[in-house]
């Protein structure tokens, strides 16, 4: 027999993990332009032009680390989404299985 409380907890847990992963990915994504602007401004005195300063900023270690962290957060968000969707499908399959079992039992009587 399917335990509805267990199904509910599985969905809530995986849904919360997805939401938290998406929140982190969005925060990092939203910080990309401000970080690039700051790094560009920091590079301006040495670069001589805005274009050169931006190229320097794009090539900088902090920017590359930020992009890597953003991409990792997006990957984690997608994995959490897949986990949630898989849990949701498993719940649907369990429900169908239980329904089929009840139908077989009622037709056997």
C-alpha atoms as a PDB file:
ATOM      1  CA  UNK A   1       0.000   0.000   0.000  1.00  0.00           C
ATOM      2  CA  UNK A   2       1.215   3.480  -0.845  1.00  0.00           C
ATOM      3  CA  UNK A   3       1.877   5.820   2.073  1.00  0.00           C
ATOM      4  CA  UNK A   4       0.585   9.261   0.990  1.00  0.00           C
ATOM      5  CA  UNK A   5       2.589  10.966   3.745  1.00  0.00           C
ATOM      6  CA  UNK A   6       5.835   9.463   2.462  1.00  0.00           C
ATOM      7  CA  UNK A   7       5.022  10.564  -1.088  1.00  0.00           C
ATOM      8  CA  UNK A   8       4.223  14.065   0.144  1.00  0.00           C
ATOM      9  CA  UNK A   9       7.512  14.283   2.057  1.00  0.00           C
ATOM     10  CA  UNK A  10       9.496  13.050  -0.956  1.00  0.00           C
ATOM     11  CA  UNK A  11       7.910  15.701  -3.174  1.00  0.00           C
ATOM     12  CA  UNK A  12       8.412  18.474  -0.635  1.00  0.00           C
ATOM     13  CA  UNK A  13      12.035  17.493  -0.021  1.00  0.00           C
ATOM     14  CA  UNK A  14      12.995  17.269  -3.691  1.00  0.00           C
ATOM     15  CA  UNK A  15      10.999  20.409  -4.494  1.00  0.00           C
ATOM     16  CA  UNK A  16      12.791  22.341  -1.765  1.00  0.00           C
ATOM     17  CA  UNK A  17      16.181  21.130  -3.011  1.00  0.00           C
ATOM     18  CA  UNK A  18      15.275  22.301  -6.510  1.00  0.00           C
ATOM     19  CA  UNK A  19      14.098  25.690  -5.254  1.00  0.00           C
ATOM     20  CA  UNK A  20      17.255  26.225  -3.197  1.00  0.00           C
ATOM     21  CA  UNK A  21      19.489  25.220  -6.112  1.00  0.00           C
ATOM     22  CA  UNK A  22      17.590  27.528  -8.463  1.00  0.00           C
ATOM     23  CA  UNK A  23      17.837  30.392  -5.973  1.00  0.00           C
ATOM     24  CA  UNK A  24      21.615  30.019  -5.743  1.00  0.00           C
ATOM     25  CA  UNK A  25      21.983  29.766  -9.527  1.00  0.00           C
ATOM     26  CA  UNK A  26      19.865  32.900  -9.990  1.00  0.00           C
ATOM     27  CA  UNK A  27      21.863  34.826  -7.379  1.00  0.00           C
ATOM     28  CA  UNK A  28      25.141  33.981  -9.060  1.00  0.00           C
ATOM     29  CA  UNK A  29      23.732  34.747 -12.501  1.00  0.00           C
ATOM     30  CA  UNK A  30      22.428  38.116 -11.302  1.00  0.00           C
ATOM     31  CA  UNK A  31      25.867  38.983  -9.899  1.00  0.00           C
ATOM     32  CA  UNK A  32      27.688  38.424 -13.203  1.00  0.00           C
ATOM     33  CA  UNK A  33      27.194  41.879 -14.750  1.00  0.00           C
ATOM     34  CA  UNK A  34      27.945  43.824 -11.557  1.00  0.00           C
ATOM     35  CA  UNK A  35      31.116  41.771 -11.065  1.00  0.00           C
ATOM     36  CA  UNK A  36      32.189  42.392 -14.659  1.00  0.00           C
ATOM     37  CA  UNK A  37      31.521  46.122 -14.225  1.00  0.00           C
ATOM     38  CA  UNK A  38      33.595  46.263 -11.034  1.00  0.00           C
ATOM     39  CA  UNK A  39      36.467  44.320 -12.549  1.00  0.00           C
ATOM     40  CA  UNK A  40      36.343  46.523 -15.663  1.00  0.00           C
ATOM     41  CA  UNK A  41      36.492  49.688 -13.544  1.00  0.00           C
ATOM     42  CA  UNK A  42      39.377  48.243 -11.535  1.00  0.00           C
ATOM     43  CA  UNK A  43      41.280  47.505 -14.756  1.00  0.00           C
ATOM     44  CA  UNK A  44      40.668  50.926 -16.351  1.00  0.00           C
ATOM     45  CA  UNK A  45      43.778  52.717 -15.004  1.00  0.00           C
ATOM     46  CA  UNK A  46      46.073  50.038 -16.445  1.00  0.00           C
ATOM     47  CA  UNK A  47      44.115  49.209 -19.613  1.00  0.00           C
ATOM     48  CA  UNK A  48      43.818  52.641 -21.217  1.00  0.00           C
ATOM     49  CA  UNK A  49      40.416  52.005 -22.837  1.00  0.00           C
ATOM     50  CA  UNK A  50      37.065  50.557 -21.853  1.00  0.00           C
ATOM     51  CA  UNK A  51      37.378  47.730 -24.391  1.00  0.00           C
ATOM     52  CA  UNK A  52      40.809  46.739 -23.097  1.00  0.00           C
ATOM     53  CA  UNK A  53      39.640  46.995 -19.487  1.00  0.00           C
ATOM     54  CA  UNK A  54      36.665  44.761 -20.234  1.00  0.00           C
ATOM     55  CA  UNK A  55      38.898  42.180 -21.921  1.00  0.00           C
ATOM     56  CA  UNK A  56      41.162  42.256 -18.884  1.00  0.00           C
ATOM     57  CA  UNK A  57      38.142  41.816 -16.601  1.00  0.00           C
ATOM     58  CA  UNK A  58      36.796  38.909 -18.651  1.00  0.00           C
ATOM     59  CA  UNK A  59      40.174  37.192 -18.473  1.00  0.00           C
ATOM     60  CA  UNK A  60      40.629  37.791 -14.744  1.00  0.00           C
ATOM     61  CA  UNK A  61      40.749  34.953 -12.237  1.00  0.00           C
ATOM     62  CA  UNK A  62      37.825  36.284 -10.140  1.00  0.00           C
ATOM     63  CA  UNK A  63      35.580  36.493 -13.195  1.00  0.00           C
ATOM     64  CA  UNK A  64      36.534  33.012 -14.422  1.00  0.00           C
ATOM     65  CA  UNK A  65      35.916  31.597 -10.937  1.00  0.00           C
ATOM     66  CA  UNK A  66      32.538  33.328 -10.826  1.00  0.00           C
ATOM     67  CA  UNK A  67      31.534  31.909 -14.211  1.00  0.00           C
ATOM     68  CA  UNK A  68      32.638  28.441 -13.106  1.00  0.00           C
ATOM     69  CA  UNK A  69      30.618  28.726  -9.873  1.00  0.00           C
ATOM     70  CA  UNK A  70      27.593  29.994 -11.814  1.00  0.00           C
ATOM     71  CA  UNK A  71      27.765  27.093 -14.245  1.00  0.00           C
ATOM     72  CA  UNK A  72      28.162  24.589 -11.414  1.00  0.00           C
ATOM     73  CA  UNK A  73      25.148  26.093  -9.641  1.00  0.00           C
ATOM     74  CA  UNK A  74      23.097  25.849 -12.846  1.00  0.00           C
ATOM     75  CA  UNK A  75      24.157  22.209 -13.230  1.00  0.00           C
ATOM     76  CA  UNK A  76      23.159  21.495  -9.625  1.00  0.00           C
ATOM     77  CA  UNK A  77      19.828  23.223 -10.229  1.00  0.00           C
ATOM     78  CA  UNK A  78      19.143  21.067 -13.283  1.00  0.00           C
ATOM     79  CA  UNK A  79      20.054  17.911 -11.367  1.00  0.00           C
ATOM     80  CA  UNK A  80      17.692  18.935  -8.552  1.00  0.00           C
ATOM     81  CA  UNK A  81      14.945  19.598 -11.114  1.00  0.00           C
ATOM     82  CA  UNK A  82      15.472  16.156 -12.660  1.00  0.00           C
ATOM     83  CA  UNK A  83      15.328  14.605  -9.195  1.00  0.00           C
ATOM     84  CA  UNK A  84      12.054  16.400  -8.443  1.00  0.00           C
ATOM     85  CA  UNK A  85      10.528  15.423 -11.789  1.00  0.00           C
ATOM     86  CA  UNK A  86      11.639  11.809 -11.324  1.00  0.00           C
ATOM     87  CA  UNK A  87      10.098  11.748  -7.847  1.00  0.00           C
ATOM     88  CA  UNK A  88       6.881  13.190  -9.242  1.00  0.00           C
ATOM     89  CA  UNK A  89       6.765  10.536 -11.997  1.00  0.00           C
ATOM     90  CA  UNK A  90       7.494   7.793  -9.472  1.00  0.00           C
ATOM     91  CA  UNK A  91       4.565   9.003  -7.387  1.00  0.00           C
ATOM     92  CA  UNK A  92       2.334   8.900 -10.467  1.00  0.00           C
ATOM     93  CA  UNK A  93       3.522   5.381 -11.275  1.00  0.00           C
ATOM     94  CA  UNK A  94       2.885   4.226  -7.717  1.00  0.00           C
ATOM     95  CA  UNK A  95      -0.596   5.716  -7.839  1.00  0.00           C
ATOM     96  CA  UNK A  96      -1.309   3.933 -11.149  1.00  0.00           C
ATOM     97  CA  UNK A  97       0.068   0.701  -9.755  1.00  0.00           C
ATOM     98  CA  UNK A  98      -2.137   0.970  -6.676  1.00  0.00           C
ATOM     99  CA  UNK A  99      -5.169   1.775  -8.819  1.00  0.00           C
ATOM    100  CA  UNK A 100      -4.481  -1.200 -11.087  1.00  0.00           C
ATOM    101  CA  UNK A 101      -4.085  -3.424  -8.050  1.00  0.00           C
ATOM    102  CA  UNK A 102      -7.445  -2.271  -6.642  1.00  0.00           C
ATOM    103  CA  UNK A 103      -9.120  -2.824 -10.022  1.00  0.00           C
ATOM    104  CA  UNK A 104      -7.666  -6.336 -10.244  1.00  0.00           C
ATOM    105  CA  UNK A 105      -8.824  -7.123  -6.726  1.00  0.00           C
ATOM    106  CA  UNK A 106     -12.373  -5.903  -7.376  1.00  0.00           C
ATOM    107  CA  UNK A 107     -12.644  -7.833 -10.655  1.00  0.00           C
ATOM    108  CA  UNK A 108     -11.382 -10.991  -8.922  1.00  0.00           C
ATOM    109  CA  UNK A 109     -14.320 -10.944  -6.503  1.00  0.00           C
END
